Amino acid sequence: MLEMNRDVFITCALTGSGNTQDKSPHVPRSPREIADSAIAAAEAGAAVVHCHVRDPVTGQGSRDPQLYRELTEYIRASATDVVLNLTTGMGGDLVFGDVETPLPPVAGTDMVGASERMQPIADCLPEICTLDCGTMNFAEADYVMTNTPGMLRAMGGMITQLGVQAEIEAFDTGHLWFAKQLVQEGVLAEPALVQLCMGVPWGAPPDMNTLLAMVNNVPASWTWSAFALGAQQMPFVAAAALAGGNVRVGLEDNLYLDRGTLATNAQLVERARVIIEAMGARVLSAAEVRQKLQLTKRSPRG
C-alpha cells in the first residue's frame, strides 16, 4: 500500500551541466547567477539546492573548483538559509569513436581520478553531495556516464571521511543494489539518502510501475526523493509524495512551467509547493531537513 509523505522537502536542481544554456535565458551560468537562483528557489520553498557550475562565458558545464568556491561563498553569505548539495558527477564522461573504431575516445571525453572529482567537496564541505551510483548509457549515441565500482568505493569513502552526507543518484534498480552493497561494506553510512532519477534515457522510464519498483528497493530506514524530466516533472512531484518520498524540481531537469512558457527555478519550486500543499502535506524548511537528516552546516576550509 502507498503511504503518503506528509512532511516533504523540495530539492531544486538549479542548472545541471547539459547543453541547456542557450535554450532558456533563465538557466544560470556564473557563480553569482547560480547563487541568486538558489536564494530565490529557497525563498520559494526549496530546502535543498543541488548545484553544478558552468563556465561563465560559454555556459558549458564545468568542474573548476574555484567556481564551486565562489558559488558556495555567495550562498553562505546570504541571509537565506538553504541546505547545500554539490555534484560529484563531473569527470566521468566517456565518448567513444564510431562503432568500427571506438578507441581512442573522442572530443567530449572528460575522465579524471577520484580525488580530482572530489576536490570541490573537500574545498567547500557542503552538507550533501551526490554520488551517481552506476555506469549508464545516455541518449547520445556513443556517450557513457562512467562510474565503476572501484571509483564509487573510492569516492564514497572520501565523502564519508569528510563528514558529508552522500545523496545516492539511482538511475535504475541496479544502482540501488550497488548502493546497498556500499552501505553493507561501510563505505557509506546508514541510513542513506537516495535520489530516484526517472526518465533519463536509458535508465528507469518515468512510469508508476518503475517508480514503485525503485521505491520498493529502497530500505525502509533510508530517505528518498524522486524526479522526472521535462513534462513529467510536476506529475512526479505528486507521485513521489504519494509514494512516501520527497521531491526535486529545477531547470537541470525541465525548462518549462507550462507548454511554451519558460520557467525560473523559483517558479518551479512554487508550483511544486502548491501541489504538495494541495495534497495535504507540509513543506519542510532547511533547518527541519538538517534535523531530519542529521546534517552539519559548515564553512569552507580556511
Protein backbone atom coordinates (compact mmCIF):
# COMPACT_ATOMS: atom_id res chain seq x y z
CA MET A 1 0.00 0.00 0.00
CA LEU A 2 1.09 3.56 -0.66
CA GLU A 3 1.86 5.63 2.41
CA MET A 4 1.93 9.32 1.52
CA ASN A 5 4.68 11.51 2.92
CA ARG A 6 3.08 14.31 4.99
CA ASP A 7 6.36 16.19 5.59
CA VAL A 8 8.04 16.76 2.24
CA PHE A 9 11.22 18.60 1.39
CA ILE A 10 11.87 20.14 -2.00
CA THR A 11 15.26 20.00 -3.72
CA CYS A 12 15.87 22.46 -6.55
CA ALA A 13 18.40 21.32 -9.18
CA LEU A 14 19.46 24.73 -10.40
CA THR A 15 21.39 24.42 -13.65
CA GLY A 16 22.94 20.99 -14.31
CA SER A 17 25.69 20.54 -16.89
CA GLY A 18 23.66 19.76 -20.01
CA ASN A 19 23.57 21.95 -23.11
CA THR A 20 20.56 23.99 -21.99
CA GLN A 21 22.36 27.31 -21.51
CA ASP A 22 21.16 28.70 -24.84
CA LYS A 23 17.66 27.21 -24.65
CA SER A 24 16.43 29.49 -21.88
CA PRO A 25 17.60 32.87 -20.58
CA HIS A 26 16.75 31.65 -17.07
CA VAL A 27 19.46 28.95 -16.96
CA PRO A 28 22.10 30.48 -14.64
CA ARG A 29 25.75 30.44 -15.72
CA SER A 30 28.07 32.37 -13.43
CA PRO A 31 28.55 31.54 -9.74
CA ARG A 32 26.70 34.75 -8.83
CA GLU A 33 23.77 33.90 -11.13
CA ILE A 34 23.57 30.35 -9.78
CA ALA A 35 23.71 31.62 -6.20
CA ASP A 36 20.98 34.20 -6.87
CA SER A 37 18.83 31.46 -8.40
CA ALA A 38 19.50 29.25 -5.36
CA ILE A 39 18.45 32.00 -2.98
CA ALA A 40 15.26 32.70 -4.96
CA ALA A 41 14.44 28.98 -5.02
CA ALA A 42 14.99 28.74 -1.26
CA GLU A 43 12.73 31.73 -0.65
CA ALA A 44 10.08 29.99 -2.78
CA GLY A 45 10.24 26.89 -0.59
CA ALA A 46 13.23 24.74 -1.57
CA ALA A 47 15.05 23.38 1.48
CA VAL A 48 17.92 21.95 -0.61
CA VAL A 49 19.69 23.34 -3.68
CA HIS A 50 21.58 20.91 -5.92
CA CYS A 51 24.43 22.74 -7.65
CA HIS A 52 26.60 22.29 -10.70
CA VAL A 53 28.75 25.13 -12.01
CA ARG A 54 29.19 26.39 -15.57
CA ASP A 55 31.83 28.31 -17.47
CA PRO A 56 30.54 31.88 -17.07
CA VAL A 57 31.41 32.74 -20.69
CA THR A 58 30.35 29.67 -22.67
CA GLY A 59 27.74 28.36 -20.25
CA GLN A 60 29.07 24.82 -20.61
CA GLY A 61 29.27 22.55 -17.58
CA SER A 62 32.49 22.85 -15.57
CA ARG A 63 34.21 21.19 -12.63
CA ASP A 64 36.50 24.15 -11.82
CA PRO A 65 36.96 24.11 -8.01
CA GLN A 66 37.29 27.90 -7.92
CA LEU A 67 33.81 28.30 -9.41
CA TYR A 68 32.41 26.00 -6.71
CA ARG A 69 34.16 28.02 -4.02
CA GLU A 70 32.71 31.27 -5.37
CA LEU A 71 29.23 29.76 -5.57
CA THR A 72 29.22 28.39 -2.04
CA GLU A 73 30.61 31.64 -0.62
CA TYR A 74 27.82 33.64 -2.27
CA ILE A 75 25.12 31.29 -0.96
CA ARG A 76 26.55 31.13 2.56
CA ALA A 77 26.96 34.91 2.72
CA SER A 78 23.26 35.45 2.04
CA ALA A 79 20.62 35.85 4.72
CA THR A 80 18.63 32.95 3.23
CA ASP A 81 19.09 29.54 4.82
CA VAL A 82 19.31 26.55 2.46
CA VAL A 83 20.97 23.13 2.50
CA LEU A 84 23.83 22.97 0.01
CA ASN A 85 24.11 19.91 -2.24
CA LEU A 86 27.05 19.82 -4.70
CA THR A 87 27.55 17.38 -7.55
CA THR A 88 30.43 14.92 -7.96
CA GLY A 89 29.10 13.80 -11.32
CA MET A 90 31.61 15.66 -13.48
CA GLY A 91 34.79 13.94 -14.64
CA GLY A 92 33.27 10.60 -15.62
CA ASP A 93 32.35 11.36 -19.24
CA LEU A 94 33.49 8.85 -21.85
CA VAL A 95 32.71 9.42 -25.53
CA PHE A 96 33.70 6.65 -27.93
CA GLY A 97 34.56 6.96 -31.60
CA ASP A 98 32.37 5.35 -34.23
CA VAL A 99 31.26 1.75 -33.94
CA GLU A 100 34.15 0.42 -36.05
CA THR A 101 36.89 2.47 -34.33
CA PRO A 102 35.65 3.18 -30.80
CA LEU A 103 39.13 3.83 -29.42
CA PRO A 104 40.72 6.19 -28.68
CA PRO A 105 37.94 8.22 -27.02
CA VAL A 106 36.93 11.39 -28.87
CA ALA A 107 36.07 15.01 -28.07
CA GLY A 108 33.75 15.38 -25.11
CA THR A 109 35.60 12.79 -23.02
CA ASP A 110 36.47 14.07 -19.55
CA MET A 111 37.81 11.32 -17.31
CA VAL A 112 39.68 12.19 -14.12
CA GLY A 113 40.56 10.46 -10.86
CA ALA A 114 38.50 10.20 -7.69
CA SER A 115 40.42 12.88 -5.79
CA GLU A 116 40.01 15.41 -8.61
CA ARG A 117 36.30 14.71 -8.87
CA MET A 118 36.02 15.18 -5.12
CA GLN A 119 38.10 18.38 -4.89
CA PRO A 120 35.11 20.79 -4.77
CA ILE A 121 33.59 18.75 -1.95
CA ALA A 122 36.81 18.80 0.08
CA ASP A 123 37.13 22.55 -0.54
CA CYS A 124 33.54 23.58 0.16
CA LEU A 125 32.28 20.97 2.65
CA PRO A 126 28.60 21.09 1.65
CA GLU A 127 26.04 19.33 3.79
CA ILE A 128 25.25 16.94 0.91
CA CYS A 129 26.99 15.80 -2.27
CA THR A 130 25.77 13.46 -4.97
CA LEU A 131 27.19 10.05 -5.88
CA ASP A 132 25.99 8.69 -9.26
CA CYS A 133 25.82 5.06 -8.26
CA GLY A 134 26.49 3.33 -11.56
CA THR A 135 27.61 3.49 -15.17
CA MET A 136 24.92 4.23 -17.75
CA ASN A 137 24.31 4.81 -21.45
CA PHE A 138 22.72 8.20 -22.09
CA ALA A 139 20.63 9.25 -25.08
CA GLU A 140 23.70 10.36 -27.03
CA ALA A 141 24.85 7.57 -29.35
CA ASP A 142 28.37 6.99 -28.02
CA TYR A 143 28.41 8.73 -24.60
CA VAL A 144 28.70 6.73 -21.40
CA MET A 145 28.42 8.14 -17.87
CA THR A 146 31.20 6.16 -16.24
CA ASN A 147 31.22 5.26 -12.53
CA THR A 148 32.97 1.95 -11.92
CA PRO A 149 32.60 0.05 -8.64
CA GLY A 150 36.20 0.93 -7.77
CA MET A 151 35.65 4.63 -8.47
CA LEU A 152 32.44 4.66 -6.42
CA ARG A 153 34.08 2.90 -3.48
CA ALA A 154 36.91 5.45 -3.55
CA MET A 155 34.66 8.48 -3.85
CA GLY A 156 32.14 7.12 -1.34
CA GLY A 157 34.90 6.58 1.19
CA MET A 158 36.11 10.16 0.70
CA ILE A 159 32.59 11.52 1.18
CA THR A 160 32.19 9.59 4.42
CA GLN A 161 35.61 10.64 5.69
CA LEU A 162 34.78 14.31 5.02
CA GLY A 163 31.60 14.01 7.09
CA VAL A 164 29.38 14.93 4.13
CA GLN A 165 26.03 13.21 3.51
CA ALA A 166 26.11 11.28 0.23
CA GLU A 167 23.00 11.54 -1.93
CA ILE A 168 22.92 8.36 -3.99
CA GLU A 169 21.74 9.10 -7.53
CA ALA A 170 19.96 5.96 -8.72
CA PHE A 171 19.10 5.87 -12.43
CA ASP A 172 17.98 2.23 -12.34
CA THR A 173 17.38 -0.61 -9.88
CA GLY A 174 20.92 -1.97 -10.23
CA HIS A 175 22.26 1.32 -8.89
CA LEU A 176 20.21 0.79 -5.72
CA TRP A 177 21.56 -2.75 -5.49
CA PHE A 178 25.13 -1.44 -5.50
CA ALA A 179 24.25 1.39 -3.11
CA LYS A 180 23.09 -1.19 -0.57
CA GLN A 181 26.38 -3.01 -1.08
CA LEU A 182 28.32 0.20 -0.33
CA VAL A 183 26.37 0.63 2.90
CA GLN A 184 26.88 -3.03 3.82
CA GLU A 185 30.64 -2.61 3.29
CA GLY A 186 30.69 0.52 5.45
CA VAL A 187 31.78 2.75 2.55
CA LEU A 188 28.62 4.83 3.02
CA ALA A 189 26.87 5.44 6.31
CA GLU A 190 23.38 4.24 7.15
CA PRO A 191 20.67 5.47 6.91
CA ALA A 192 21.40 6.61 3.38
CA LEU A 193 19.86 9.33 1.23
CA VAL A 194 18.69 8.44 -2.29
CA GLN A 195 17.53 10.40 -5.33
CA LEU A 196 15.49 8.31 -7.79
CA CYS A 197 16.21 9.67 -11.28
CA MET A 198 13.32 8.84 -13.60
CA GLY A 199 13.07 9.28 -17.34
CA VAL A 200 16.76 9.80 -18.13
CA PRO A 201 17.42 7.83 -21.36
CA TRP A 202 18.41 4.98 -20.98
CA GLY A 203 17.74 4.47 -17.30
CA ALA A 204 14.49 3.96 -15.43
CA PRO A 205 11.49 5.10 -17.53
CA PRO A 206 9.10 7.64 -15.98
CA ASP A 207 6.11 5.44 -15.22
CA MET A 208 4.47 4.47 -11.95
CA ASN A 209 5.28 0.76 -12.22
CA THR A 210 9.01 1.54 -12.48
CA LEU A 211 8.86 4.22 -9.77
CA LEU A 212 7.26 1.77 -7.35
CA ALA A 213 9.83 -0.89 -8.27
CA MET A 214 12.54 1.62 -7.41
CA VAL A 215 10.80 2.65 -4.18
CA ASN A 216 10.40 -0.98 -3.15
CA ASN A 217 14.17 -1.41 -3.48
CA VAL A 218 14.94 1.46 -1.07
CA PRO A 219 15.42 0.22 2.52
CA ALA A 220 12.68 1.45 4.86
CA SER A 221 15.14 3.36 7.07
CA TRP A 222 16.56 5.40 4.17
CA THR A 223 15.26 8.79 2.97
CA TRP A 224 14.46 9.18 -0.69
CA SER A 225 13.38 11.74 -3.28
CA ALA A 226 12.39 11.36 -6.91
CA PHE A 227 12.18 13.45 -10.04
CA ALA A 228 11.39 13.07 -13.72
CA LEU A 229 12.39 15.09 -16.77
CA GLY A 230 10.50 17.62 -18.85
CA ALA A 231 6.72 17.48 -18.89
CA GLN A 232 6.78 14.66 -16.31
CA GLN A 233 8.42 16.88 -13.66
CA MET A 234 5.25 18.11 -11.93
CA PRO A 235 3.31 14.82 -12.19
CA PHE A 236 6.25 13.18 -10.42
CA VAL A 237 6.09 15.79 -7.64
CA ALA A 238 2.68 14.36 -6.80
CA ALA A 239 3.77 10.77 -7.47
CA ALA A 240 6.84 10.97 -5.24
CA ALA A 241 4.95 12.47 -2.31
CA LEU A 242 2.11 9.97 -2.76
CA ALA A 243 4.60 7.07 -2.74
CA GLY A 244 6.19 8.30 0.51
CA GLY A 245 9.13 10.35 -0.73
CA ASN A 246 10.41 13.87 -1.26
CA VAL A 247 10.63 15.82 -4.49
CA ARG A 248 13.07 17.52 -6.84
CA VAL A 249 12.36 20.18 -9.45
CA GLY A 250 14.52 22.69 -11.28
CA LEU A 251 16.00 23.80 -14.57
CA GLU A 252 18.50 20.95 -14.64
CA ASP A 253 15.59 18.64 -15.42
CA ASN A 254 12.92 20.82 -17.06
CA LEU A 255 12.90 24.30 -18.64
CA TYR A 256 9.15 24.90 -18.80
CA LEU A 257 6.46 25.99 -16.37
CA ASP A 258 3.71 25.31 -18.92
CA ARG A 259 3.71 24.47 -22.61
CA GLY A 260 5.59 27.29 -24.34
CA THR A 261 6.30 29.17 -21.09
CA LEU A 262 9.90 29.12 -19.89
CA ALA A 263 10.30 28.82 -16.12
CA THR A 264 12.63 30.13 -13.47
CA ASN A 265 13.82 27.86 -10.69
CA ALA A 266 11.73 29.80 -8.18
CA GLN A 267 8.60 29.33 -10.29
CA LEU A 268 9.15 25.57 -10.50
CA VAL A 269 9.59 25.40 -6.72
CA GLU A 270 6.44 27.48 -6.20
CA ARG A 271 4.46 25.13 -8.48
CA ALA A 272 5.77 22.08 -6.60
CA ARG A 273 4.89 23.66 -3.28
CA VAL A 274 1.31 24.29 -4.43
CA ILE A 275 0.97 20.64 -5.48
CA ILE A 276 2.39 19.31 -2.22
CA GLU A 277 0.25 21.54 -0.02
CA ALA A 278 -2.86 20.82 -2.09
CA MET A 279 -2.29 17.13 -1.30
CA GLY A 280 -2.42 17.95 2.41
CA ALA A 281 1.31 17.69 3.07
CA ARG A 282 3.68 20.19 4.67
CA VAL A 283 6.84 21.58 3.04
CA LEU A 284 9.89 21.33 5.29
CA SER A 285 12.36 24.15 5.89
CA ALA A 286 16.14 23.88 5.55
CA ALA A 287 16.50 23.71 9.34
CA GLU A 288 14.00 20.87 9.53
CA VAL A 289 15.82 18.94 6.81
CA ARG A 290 19.12 19.34 8.66
CA GLN A 291 17.49 17.93 11.78
CA LYS A 292 15.79 15.11 9.86
CA LEU A 293 18.99 14.05 8.07
CA GLN A 294 21.39 14.99 10.90
CA LEU A 295 23.36 17.28 8.61
CA THR A 296 26.22 19.54 9.61
CA LYS A 297 26.30 23.06 8.19
CA ARG A 298 29.91 24.17 7.83
CA SER A 299 32.01 26.85 6.23
CA PRO A 300 34.72 26.09 3.65
CA ARG A 301 38.15 25.18 4.93
CA GLY A 302 40.17 28.28 5.84
